[in-house]
Amino acid sequence: MRICELREKEVINICDGEKLGNVCDIEFEERTGKIIALIIPGPCKILGIIGRDQEYIIPYECVQRIGADVVLVEVERDKCLKKCKWDN
Protein backbone atom coordinates (compact mmCIF):
# COMPACT_ATOMS: atom_id res chain seq x y z
CA MET A 1 0.00 0.00 0.00
CA ARG A 2 1.18 3.51 -0.78
CA ILE A 3 0.87 6.48 1.55
CA CYS A 4 -1.45 8.21 -0.93
CA GLU A 5 -3.82 5.21 -0.66
CA LEU A 6 -3.68 5.35 3.13
CA ARG A 7 -4.64 9.03 3.05
CA GLU A 8 -7.92 8.16 1.30
CA LYS A 9 -9.07 5.91 4.15
CA GLU A 10 -11.20 7.15 7.02
CA VAL A 11 -9.94 6.40 10.54
CA ILE A 12 -12.51 5.05 12.97
CA ASN A 13 -11.99 4.47 16.69
CA ILE A 14 -13.44 1.07 17.59
CA CYS A 15 -13.77 2.08 21.27
CA ASP A 16 -16.67 4.43 20.53
CA GLY A 17 -17.30 4.10 16.78
CA GLU A 18 -16.33 7.74 16.23
CA LYS A 19 -14.88 8.86 12.91
CA LEU A 20 -11.62 10.67 13.63
CA GLY A 21 -10.95 11.80 10.05
CA ASN A 22 -8.53 10.87 7.30
CA VAL A 23 -4.81 10.25 7.60
CA CYS A 24 -2.98 13.44 6.61
CA ASP A 25 0.57 12.33 7.42
CA ILE A 26 2.64 9.59 9.00
CA GLU A 27 5.54 9.65 11.40
CA PHE A 28 8.29 7.13 10.77
CA GLU A 29 11.67 6.15 12.13
CA GLU A 30 14.31 7.46 9.75
CA ARG A 31 16.84 4.70 10.30
CA THR A 32 14.50 1.74 9.73
CA GLY A 33 11.60 3.30 7.82
CA LYS A 34 9.18 1.78 10.35
CA ILE A 35 5.87 3.63 10.76
CA ILE A 36 5.59 5.05 14.28
CA ALA A 37 2.27 6.90 14.12
CA LEU A 38 -0.59 8.05 11.92
CA ILE A 39 -1.41 11.76 12.05
CA ILE A 40 -5.00 12.93 11.61
CA PRO A 41 -6.22 16.54 11.72
CA GLY A 42 -8.00 17.33 14.98
CA PRO A 43 -11.38 19.00 15.41
CA CYS A 44 -11.96 22.51 14.06
CA LYS A 45 -11.68 25.40 16.53
CA ILE A 46 -14.84 27.49 16.10
CA LEU A 47 -18.23 26.19 14.94
CA GLY A 48 -16.50 23.37 13.12
CA ILE A 49 -15.31 25.64 10.31
CA ILE A 50 -12.37 27.77 11.46
CA GLY A 51 -8.87 26.22 11.45
CA ARG A 52 -7.34 23.49 13.57
CA ASP A 53 -4.73 23.74 16.29
CA GLN A 54 -4.68 20.09 17.35
CA GLU A 55 -4.07 16.77 15.67
CA TYR A 56 -4.52 13.13 16.57
CA ILE A 57 -1.24 11.24 16.88
CA ILE A 58 -2.24 7.58 16.71
CA PRO A 59 0.59 5.18 17.64
CA TYR A 60 0.89 2.53 14.93
CA GLU A 61 0.50 -0.26 17.49
CA CYS A 62 -3.06 1.04 18.08
CA VAL A 63 -4.01 0.27 14.47
CA GLN A 64 -6.21 -2.82 14.62
CA ARG A 65 -6.98 -3.29 10.93
CA ILE A 66 -6.53 -1.55 7.61
CA GLY A 67 -9.42 -2.33 5.29
CA ALA A 68 -10.39 -1.33 1.77
CA ASP A 69 -12.07 1.90 2.92
CA VAL A 70 -11.22 2.41 6.59
CA VAL A 71 -8.49 2.16 9.20
CA LEU A 72 -9.72 0.81 12.53
CA VAL A 73 -7.85 2.02 15.60
CA GLU A 74 -8.30 1.43 19.31
CA VAL A 75 -7.37 4.58 21.23
CA GLU A 76 -8.42 6.84 24.07
CA ARG A 77 -9.21 9.87 21.93
CA ASP A 78 -8.23 12.51 24.48
CA LYS A 79 -4.80 10.95 25.03
CA CYS A 80 -4.03 11.06 21.29
CA LEU A 81 -5.13 14.66 20.74
CA LYS A 82 -2.02 16.87 20.73
CA LYS A 83 -1.21 20.49 19.99
CA CYS A 84 -0.03 20.88 16.39
CA LYS A 85 3.74 21.22 16.13
CA TRP A 86 3.46 23.93 13.48
CA ASP A 87 1.12 26.02 15.68
CA ASN A 88 3.74 26.82 18.37
PDB file of N, CA and C in Angstrom:
ATOM      1  N   MET A   1       0.840  -1.172   0.000  1.00  0.00           N
ATOM      2  CA  MET A   1       0.000   0.000   0.000  1.00  0.00           C
ATOM      3  C   MET A   1       0.888   1.238   0.000  1.00  0.00           C
ATOM      4  N   ARG A   2       0.471   2.238  -0.731  1.00  0.00           N
ATOM      5  CA  ARG A   2       1.184   3.508  -0.778  1.00  0.00           C
ATOM      6  C   ARG A   2       0.566   4.489   0.209  1.00  0.00           C
ATOM      7  N   ILE A   3       1.358   5.476   0.605  1.00  0.00           N
ATOM      8  CA  ILE A   3       0.866   6.482   1.549  1.00  0.00           C
ATOM      9  C   ILE A   3      -0.340   7.216   0.974  1.00  0.00           C
ATOM     10  N   CYS A   4      -0.323   7.494  -0.330  1.00  0.00           N
ATOM     11  CA  CYS A   4      -1.455   8.206  -0.935  1.00  0.00           C
ATOM     12  C   CYS A   4      -2.737   7.380  -0.823  1.00  0.00           C
ATOM     13  N   GLU A   5      -2.641   6.059  -0.837  1.00  0.00           N
ATOM     14  CA  GLU A   5      -3.821   5.207  -0.660  1.00  0.00           C
ATOM     15  C   GLU A   5      -4.286   5.235   0.793  1.00  0.00           C
ATOM     16  N   LEU A   6      -3.351   5.282   1.709  1.00  0.00           N
ATOM     17  CA  LEU A   6      -3.681   5.347   3.129  1.00  0.00           C
ATOM     18  C   LEU A   6      -4.407   6.646   3.452  1.00  0.00           C
ATOM     19  N   ARG A   7      -4.017   7.723   2.798  1.00  0.00           N
ATOM     20  CA  ARG A   7      -4.637   9.034   3.046  1.00  0.00           C
ATOM     21  C   ARG A   7      -6.100   9.080   2.636  1.00  0.00           C
ATOM     22  N   GLU A   8      -6.530   8.192   1.762  1.00  0.00           N
ATOM     23  CA  GLU A   8      -7.917   8.160   1.299  1.00  0.00           C
ATOM     24  C   GLU A   8      -8.837   7.422   2.273  1.00  0.00           C
ATOM     25  N   LYS A   9      -8.275   6.731   3.230  1.00  0.00           N
ATOM     26  CA  LYS A   9      -9.069   5.911   4.147  1.00  0.00           C
ATOM     27  C   LYS A   9      -9.479   6.707   5.388  1.00  0.00           C
ATOM     28  N   GLU A  10     -10.706   6.488   5.812  1.00  0.00           N
ATOM     29  CA  GLU A  10     -11.203   7.149   7.015  1.00  0.00           C
ATOM     30  C   GLU A  10     -10.761   6.347   8.243  1.00  0.00           C
ATOM     31  N   VAL A  11     -10.389   7.051   9.298  1.00  0.00           N
ATOM     32  CA  VAL A  11      -9.936   6.405  10.536  1.00  0.00           C
ATOM     33  C   VAL A  11     -11.088   6.397  11.529  1.00  0.00           C
ATOM     34  N   ILE A  12     -11.398   5.211  12.036  1.00  0.00           N
ATOM     35  CA  ILE A  12     -12.513   5.045  12.971  1.00  0.00           C
ATOM     36  C   ILE A  12     -11.990   4.404  14.251  1.00  0.00           C
ATOM     37  N   ASN A  13     -12.376   4.986  15.384  1.00  0.00           N
ATOM     38  CA  ASN A  13     -11.991   4.473  16.693  1.00  0.00           C
ATOM     39  C   ASN A  13     -12.992   3.386  17.088  1.00  0.00           C
ATOM     40  N   ILE A  14     -12.528   2.159  17.267  1.00  0.00           N
ATOM     41  CA  ILE A  14     -13.444   1.067  17.590  1.00  0.00           C
ATOM     42  C   ILE A  14     -13.936   1.126  19.036  1.00  0.00           C
ATOM     43  N   CYS A  15     -13.316   1.948  19.875  1.00  0.00           N
ATOM     44  CA  CYS A  15     -13.767   2.081  21.267  1.00  0.00           C
ATOM     45  C   CYS A  15     -15.144   2.724  21.360  1.00  0.00           C
ATOM     46  N   ASP A  16     -15.395   3.718  20.489  1.00  0.00           N
ATOM     47  CA  ASP A  16     -16.674   4.428  20.535  1.00  0.00           C
ATOM     48  C   ASP A  16     -17.341   4.571  19.168  1.00  0.00           C
ATOM     49  N   GLY A  17     -16.729   4.030  18.127  1.00  0.00           N
ATOM     50  CA  GLY A  17     -17.304   4.102  16.780  1.00  0.00           C
ATOM     51  C   GLY A  17     -17.176   5.462  16.122  1.00  0.00           C
ATOM     52  N   GLU A  18     -16.447   6.376  16.757  1.00  0.00           N
ATOM     53  CA  GLU A  18     -16.331   7.737  16.226  1.00  0.00           C
ATOM     54  C   GLU A  18     -15.363   7.810  15.053  1.00  0.00           C
ATOM     55  N   LYS A  19     -15.753   8.590  14.049  1.00  0.00           N
ATOM     56  CA  LYS A  19     -14.885   8.858  12.906  1.00  0.00           C
ATOM     57  C   LYS A  19     -13.919   9.959  13.313  1.00  0.00           C
ATOM     58  N   LEU A  20     -12.619   9.684  13.242  1.00  0.00           N
ATOM     59  CA  LEU A  20     -11.619  10.672  13.628  1.00  0.00           C
ATOM     60  C   LEU A  20     -11.208  11.551  12.450  1.00  0.00           C
ATOM     61  N   GLY A  21     -11.351  11.047  11.242  1.00  0.00           N
ATOM     62  CA  GLY A  21     -10.955  11.804  10.055  1.00  0.00           C
ATOM     63  C   GLY A  21     -10.113  10.937   9.137  1.00  0.00           C
ATOM     64  N   ASN A  22      -9.396  11.585   8.247  1.00  0.00           N
ATOM     65  CA  ASN A  22      -8.531  10.872   7.303  1.00  0.00           C
ATOM     66  C   ASN A  22      -7.070  11.111   7.649  1.00  0.00           C
ATOM     67  N   VAL A  23      -6.253  10.134   7.360  1.00  0.00           N
ATOM     68  CA  VAL A  23      -4.814  10.251   7.599  1.00  0.00           C
ATOM     69  C   VAL A  23      -4.279  11.404   6.750  1.00  0.00           C
ATOM     70  N   CYS A  24      -3.572  12.340   7.370  1.00  0.00           N
ATOM     71  CA  CYS A  24      -2.977  13.442   6.610  1.00  0.00           C
ATOM     72  C   CYS A  24      -1.464  13.286   6.507  1.00  0.00           C
ATOM     73  N   ASP A  25      -0.885  12.493   7.414  1.00  0.00           N
ATOM     74  CA  ASP A  25       0.566  12.332   7.417  1.00  0.00           C
ATOM     75  C   ASP A  25       0.913  11.099   8.228  1.00  0.00           C
ATOM     76  N   ILE A  26       2.155  10.675   8.148  1.00  0.00           N
ATOM     77  CA  ILE A  26       2.643   9.589   8.998  1.00  0.00           C
ATOM     78  C   ILE A  26       3.956  10.025   9.627  1.00  0.00           C
ATOM     79  N   GLU A  27       4.254   9.437  10.747  1.00  0.00           N
ATOM     80  CA  GLU A  27       5.544   9.646  11.400  1.00  0.00           C
ATOM     81  C   GLU A  27       6.283   8.321  11.312  1.00  0.00           C
ATOM     82  N   PHE A  28       7.541   8.364  10.906  1.00  0.00           N
ATOM     83  CA  PHE A  28       8.293   7.126  10.771  1.00  0.00           C
ATOM     84  C   PHE A  28       9.697   7.296  11.312  1.00  0.00           C
ATOM     85  N   GLU A  29      10.301   6.165  11.639  1.00  0.00           N
ATOM     86  CA  GLU A  29      11.668   6.146  12.133  1.00  0.00           C
ATOM     87  C   GLU A  29      12.606   6.223  10.931  1.00  0.00           C
ATOM     88  N   GLU A  30      13.441   7.231  10.907  1.00  0.00           N
ATOM     89  CA  GLU A  30      14.309   7.459   9.753  1.00  0.00           C
ATOM     90  C   GLU A  30      15.243   6.298   9.464  1.00  0.00           C
ATOM     91  N   ARG A  31      15.830   5.747  10.489  1.00  0.00           N
ATOM     92  CA  ARG A  31      16.843   4.704  10.303  1.00  0.00           C
ATOM     93  C   ARG A  31      16.259   3.429   9.700  1.00  0.00           C
ATOM     94  N   THR A  32      15.074   3.020  10.171  1.00  0.00           N
ATOM     95  CA  THR A  32      14.500   1.744   9.726  1.00  0.00           C
ATOM     96  C   THR A  32      13.358   1.908   8.730  1.00  0.00           C
ATOM     97  N   GLY A  33      12.753   3.084   8.686  1.00  0.00           N
ATOM     98  CA  GLY A  33      11.596   3.295   7.820  1.00  0.00           C
ATOM     99  C   GLY A  33      10.303   2.782   8.428  1.00  0.00           C
ATOM    100  N   LYS A  34      10.354   2.328   9.672  1.00  0.00           N
ATOM    101  CA  LYS A  34       9.179   1.782  10.352  1.00  0.00           C
ATOM    102  C   LYS A  34       8.191   2.903  10.689  1.00  0.00           C
ATOM    103  N   ILE A  35       6.909   2.664  10.418  1.00  0.00           N
ATOM    104  CA  ILE A  35       5.870   3.634  10.762  1.00  0.00           C
ATOM    105  C   ILE A  35       5.700   3.665  12.273  1.00  0.00           C
ATOM    106  N   ILE A  36       5.756   4.872  12.843  1.00  0.00           N
ATOM    107  CA  ILE A  36       5.595   5.053  14.283  1.00  0.00           C
ATOM    108  C   ILE A  36       4.168   5.475  14.621  1.00  0.00           C
ATOM    109  N   ALA A  37       3.594   6.372  13.802  1.00  0.00           N
ATOM    110  CA  ALA A  37       2.268   6.899  14.116  1.00  0.00           C
ATOM    111  C   ALA A  37       1.570   7.413  12.862  1.00  0.00           C
ATOM    112  N   LEU A  38       0.236   7.417  12.932  1.00  0.00           N
ATOM    113  CA  LEU A  38      -0.595   8.054  11.918  1.00  0.00           C
ATOM    114  C   LEU A  38      -1.002   9.412  12.466  1.00  0.00           C
ATOM    115  N   ILE A  39      -1.029  10.410  11.620  1.00  0.00           N
ATOM    116  CA  ILE A  39      -1.408  11.756  12.048  1.00  0.00           C
ATOM    117  C   ILE A  39      -2.693  12.140  11.329  1.00  0.00           C
ATOM    118  N   ILE A  40      -3.676  12.580  12.114  1.00  0.00           N
ATOM    119  CA  ILE A  40      -5.003  12.928  11.610  1.00  0.00           C
ATOM    120  C   ILE A  40      -5.343  14.322  12.112  1.00  0.00           C
ATOM    121  N   PRO A  41      -5.839  15.206  11.245  1.00  0.00           N
ATOM    122  CA  PRO A  41      -6.219  16.545  11.717  1.00  0.00           C
ATOM    123  C   PRO A  41      -7.245  16.456  12.845  1.00  0.00           C
ATOM    124  N   GLY A  42      -7.080  17.304  13.846  1.00  0.00           N
ATOM    125  CA  GLY A  42      -8.002  17.335  14.979  1.00  0.00           C
ATOM    126  C   GLY A  42      -9.260  18.112  14.643  1.00  0.00           C
ATOM    127  N   PRO A  43     -10.121  18.270  15.630  1.00  0.00           N
ATOM    128  CA  PRO A  43     -11.376  18.998  15.412  1.00  0.00           C
ATOM    129  C   PRO A  43     -11.124  20.477  15.110  1.00  0.00           C
ATOM    130  N   CYS A  44     -12.047  21.075  14.372  1.00  0.00           N
ATOM    131  CA  CYS A  44     -11.957  22.510  14.064  1.00  0.00           C
ATOM    132  C   CYS A  44     -12.177  23.327  15.330  1.00  0.00           C
ATOM    133  N   LYS A  45     -11.628  24.547  15.340  1.00  0.00           N
ATOM    134  CA  LYS A  45     -11.679  25.397  16.533  1.00  0.00           C
ATOM    135  C   LYS A  45     -13.062  25.981  16.798  1.00  0.00           C
ATOM    136  N   ILE A  46     -13.607  26.740  15.856  1.00  0.00           N
ATOM    137  CA  ILE A  46     -14.844  27.494  16.100  1.00  0.00           C
ATOM    138  C   ILE A  46     -15.936  27.039  15.144  1.00  0.00           C
ATOM    139  N   LEU A  47     -17.054  26.595  15.710  1.00  0.00           N
ATOM    140  CA  LEU A  47     -18.230  26.192  14.935  1.00  0.00           C
ATOM    141  C   LEU A  47     -17.931  25.135  13.881  1.00  0.00           C
ATOM    142  N   GLY A  48     -16.839  24.424  14.061  1.00  0.00           N
ATOM    143  CA  GLY A  48     -16.502  23.373  13.120  1.00  0.00           C
ATOM    144  C   GLY A  48     -16.036  23.853  11.757  1.00  0.00           C
ATOM    145  N   ILE A  49     -15.713  25.152  11.630  1.00  0.00           N
ATOM    146  CA  ILE A  49     -15.308  25.639  10.310  1.00  0.00           C
ATOM    147  C   ILE A  49     -13.994  26.402  10.300  1.00  0.00           C
ATOM    148  N   ILE A  50     -13.549  26.910  11.421  1.00  0.00           N
ATOM    149  CA  ILE A  50     -12.366  27.767  11.457  1.00  0.00           C
ATOM    150  C   ILE A  50     -11.146  26.991  11.950  1.00  0.00           C
ATOM    151  N   GLY A  51     -10.192  26.735  11.106  1.00  0.00           N
ATOM    152  CA  GLY A  51      -8.874  26.217  11.450  1.00  0.00           C
ATOM    153  C   GLY A  51      -8.805  25.083  12.452  1.00  0.00           C
ATOM    154  N   ARG A  52      -7.612  24.575  12.621  1.00  0.00           N
ATOM    155  CA  ARG A  52      -7.338  23.487  13.568  1.00  0.00           C
ATOM    156  C   ARG A  52      -6.024  23.798  14.284  1.00  0.00           C
ATOM    157  N   ASP A  53      -5.982  23.543  15.570  1.00  0.00           N
ATOM    158  CA  ASP A  53      -4.731  23.737  16.290  1.00  0.00           C
ATOM    159  C   ASP A  53      -4.299  22.463  17.012  1.00  0.00           C
ATOM    160  N   GLN A  54      -5.019  21.369  16.755  1.00  0.00           N
ATOM    161  CA  GLN A  54      -4.681  20.092  17.350  1.00  0.00           C
ATOM    162  C   GLN A  54      -4.717  19.010  16.277  1.00  0.00           C
ATOM    163  N   GLU A  55      -4.058  17.907  16.576  1.00  0.00           N
ATOM    164  CA  GLU A  55      -4.070  16.765  15.672  1.00  0.00           C
ATOM    165  C   GLU A  55      -4.051  15.494  16.507  1.00  0.00           C
ATOM    166  N   TYR A  56      -4.584  14.430  15.928  1.00  0.00           N
ATOM    167  CA  TYR A  56      -4.522  13.126  16.574  1.00  0.00           C
ATOM    168  C   TYR A  56      -3.223  12.454  16.151  1.00  0.00           C
ATOM    169  N   ILE A  57      -2.444  12.022  17.128  1.00  0.00           N
ATOM    170  CA  ILE A  57      -1.239  11.243  16.882  1.00  0.00           C
ATOM    171  C   ILE A  57      -1.572   9.823  17.352  1.00  0.00           C
ATOM    172  N   ILE A  58      -1.817   8.942  16.396  1.00  0.00           N
ATOM    173  CA  ILE A  58      -2.236   7.579  16.706  1.00  0.00           C
ATOM    174  C   ILE A  58      -1.024   6.641  16.592  1.00  0.00           C
ATOM    175  N   PRO A  59      -0.534   6.110  17.718  1.00  0.00           N
ATOM    176  CA  PRO A  59       0.593   5.175  17.641  1.00  0.00           C
ATOM    177  C   PRO A  59       0.232   3.996  16.728  1.00  0.00           C
ATOM    178  N   TYR A  60       1.182   3.576  15.908  1.00  0.00           N
ATOM    179  CA  TYR A  60       0.891   2.534  14.935  1.00  0.00           C
ATOM    180  C   TYR A  60       0.450   1.228  15.600  1.00  0.00           C
ATOM    181  N   GLU A  61       0.923   0.965  16.814  1.00  0.00           N
ATOM    182  CA  GLU A  61       0.496  -0.262  17.487  1.00  0.00           C
ATOM    183  C   GLU A  61      -0.982  -0.238  17.872  1.00  0.00           C
ATOM    184  N   CYS A  62      -1.629   0.930  17.804  1.00  0.00           N
ATOM    185  CA  CYS A  62      -3.063   1.042  18.077  1.00  0.00           C
ATOM    186  C   CYS A  62      -3.916   0.760  16.843  1.00  0.00           C
ATOM    187  N   VAL A  63      -3.284   0.612  15.689  1.00  0.00           N
ATOM    188  CA  VAL A  63      -4.013   0.274  14.469  1.00  0.00           C
ATOM    189  C   VAL A  63      -4.408  -1.194  14.563  1.00  0.00           C
ATOM    190  N   GLN A  64      -5.703  -1.453  14.504  1.00  0.00           N
ATOM    191  CA  GLN A  64      -6.207  -2.821  14.618  1.00  0.00           C
ATOM    192  C   GLN A  64      -6.350  -3.496  13.254  1.00  0.00           C
ATOM    193  N   ARG A  65      -6.776  -2.714  12.261  1.00  0.00           N
ATOM    194  CA  ARG A  65      -6.984  -3.289  10.928  1.00  0.00           C
ATOM    195  C   ARG A  65      -7.024  -2.185   9.891  1.00  0.00           C
ATOM    196  N   ILE A  66      -6.443  -2.460   8.743  1.00  0.00           N
ATOM    197  CA  ILE A  66      -6.527  -1.551   7.609  1.00  0.00           C
ATOM    198  C   ILE A  66      -7.343  -2.271   6.551  1.00  0.00           C
ATOM    199  N   GLY A  67      -8.530  -1.721   6.261  1.00  0.00           N
ATOM    200  CA  GLY A  67      -9.416  -2.334   5.288  1.00  0.00           C
ATOM    201  C   GLY A  67      -9.397  -1.592   3.968  1.00  0.00           C
ATOM    202  N   ALA A  68     -10.314  -1.947   3.099  1.00  0.00           N
ATOM    203  CA  ALA A  68     -10.386  -1.335   1.775  1.00  0.00           C
ATOM    204  C   ALA A  68     -10.739   0.147   1.856  1.00  0.00           C
ATOM    205  N   ASP A  69     -11.597   0.518   2.820  1.00  0.00           N
ATOM    206  CA  ASP A  69     -12.070   1.903   2.919  1.00  0.00           C
ATOM    207  C   ASP A  69     -11.738   2.593   4.226  1.00  0.00           C
ATOM    208  N   VAL A  70     -11.423   1.824   5.263  1.00  0.00           N
ATOM    209  CA  VAL A  70     -11.225   2.414   6.587  1.00  0.00           C
ATOM    210  C   VAL A  70      -9.994   1.843   7.281  1.00  0.00           C
ATOM    211  N   VAL A  71      -9.539   2.613   8.277  1.00  0.00           N
ATOM    212  CA  VAL A  71      -8.492   2.160   9.196  1.00  0.00           C
ATOM    213  C   VAL A  71      -9.141   2.113  10.570  1.00  0.00           C
ATOM    214  N   LEU A  72      -9.134   0.950  11.195  1.00  0.00           N
ATOM    215  CA  LEU A  72      -9.717   0.814  12.527  1.00  0.00           C
ATOM    216  C   LEU A  72      -8.609   0.924  13.561  1.00  0.00           C
ATOM    217  N   VAL A  73      -8.826   1.819  14.528  1.00  0.00           N
ATOM    218  CA  VAL A  73      -7.850   2.019  15.601  1.00  0.00           C
ATOM    219  C   VAL A  73      -8.545   1.860  16.937  1.00  0.00           C
ATOM    220  N   GLU A  74      -7.773   1.537  17.953  1.00  0.00           N
ATOM    221  CA  GLU A  74      -8.298   1.428  19.311  1.00  0.00           C
ATOM    222  C   GLU A  74      -7.491   2.367  20.190  1.00  0.00           C
ATOM    223  N   VAL A  75      -8.079   3.545  20.480  1.00  0.00           N
ATOM    224  CA  VAL A  75      -7.368   4.576  21.234  1.00  0.00           C
ATOM    225  C   VAL A  75      -8.302   5.285  22.205  1.00  0.00           C
ATOM    226  N   GLU A  76      -7.698   5.883  23.227  1.00  0.00           N
ATOM    227  CA  GLU A  76      -8.418   6.837  24.067  1.00  0.00           C
ATOM    228  C   GLU A  76      -8.232   8.180  23.383  1.00  0.00           C
ATOM    229  N   ARG A  77      -9.279   8.692  22.802  1.00  0.00           N
ATOM    230  CA  ARG A  77      -9.209   9.866  21.934  1.00  0.00           C
ATOM    231  C   ARG A  77      -8.495  11.045  22.587  1.00  0.00           C
ATOM    232  N   ASP A  78      -8.816  11.351  23.810  1.00  0.00           N
ATOM    233  CA  ASP A  78      -8.231  12.515  24.479  1.00  0.00           C
ATOM    234  C   ASP A  78      -6.725  12.379  24.685  1.00  0.00           C
ATOM    235  N   LYS A  79      -6.235  11.153  24.845  1.00  0.00           N
ATOM    236  CA  LYS A  79      -4.801  10.948  25.026  1.00  0.00           C
ATOM    237  C   LYS A  79      -4.023  11.100  23.727  1.00  0.00           C
ATOM    238  N   CYS A  80      -4.699  10.957  22.603  1.00  0.00           N
ATOM    239  CA  CYS A  80      -4.035  11.055  21.291  1.00  0.00           C
ATOM    240  C   CYS A  80      -4.119  12.460  20.700  1.00  0.00           C
ATOM    241  N   LEU A  81      -4.949  13.312  21.257  1.00  0.00           N
ATOM    242  CA  LEU A  81      -5.134  14.664  20.740  1.00  0.00           C
ATOM    243  C   LEU A  81      -4.019  15.564  21.269  1.00  0.00           C
ATOM    244  N   LYS A  82      -3.197  16.063  20.368  1.00  0.00           N
ATOM    245  CA  LYS A  82      -2.020  16.866  20.732  1.00  0.00           C
ATOM    246  C   LYS A  82      -2.057  18.212  20.026  1.00  0.00           C
ATOM    247  N   LYS A  83      -1.390  19.186  20.611  1.00  0.00           N
ATOM    248  CA  LYS A  83      -1.212  20.494  19.995  1.00  0.00           C
ATOM    249  C   LYS A  83      -0.378  20.335  18.731  1.00  0.00           C
ATOM    250  N   CYS A  84      -0.779  20.959  17.651  1.00  0.00           N
ATOM    251  CA  CYS A  84      -0.032  20.879  16.392  1.00  0.00           C
ATOM    252  C   CYS A  84       1.373  21.439  16.568  1.00  0.00           C
ATOM    253  N   LYS A  85       2.353  20.760  16.021  1.00  0.00           N
ATOM    254  CA  LYS A  85       3.738  21.220  16.128  1.00  0.00           C
ATOM    255  C   LYS A  85       3.951  22.521  15.392  1.00  0.00           C
ATOM    256  N   TRP A  86       3.248  22.719  14.282  1.00  0.00           N
ATOM    257  CA  TRP A  86       3.464  23.932  13.484  1.00  0.00           C
ATOM    258  C   TRP A  86       2.728  25.128  14.050  1.00  0.00           C
ATOM    259  N   ASP A  87       1.916  24.928  15.116  1.00  0.00           N
ATOM    260  CA  ASP A  87       1.124  26.024  15.681  1.00  0.00           C
ATOM    261  C   ASP A  87       1.799  26.655  16.892  1.00  0.00           C
ATOM    262  N   ASN A  88       3.027  26.292  17.191  1.00  0.00           N
ATOM    263  CA  ASN A  88       3.738  26.825  18.367  1.00  0.00           C
ATOM    264  C   ASN A  88       4.261  28.213  18.130  1.00  0.00           C
TER     265      ASN A  88
END
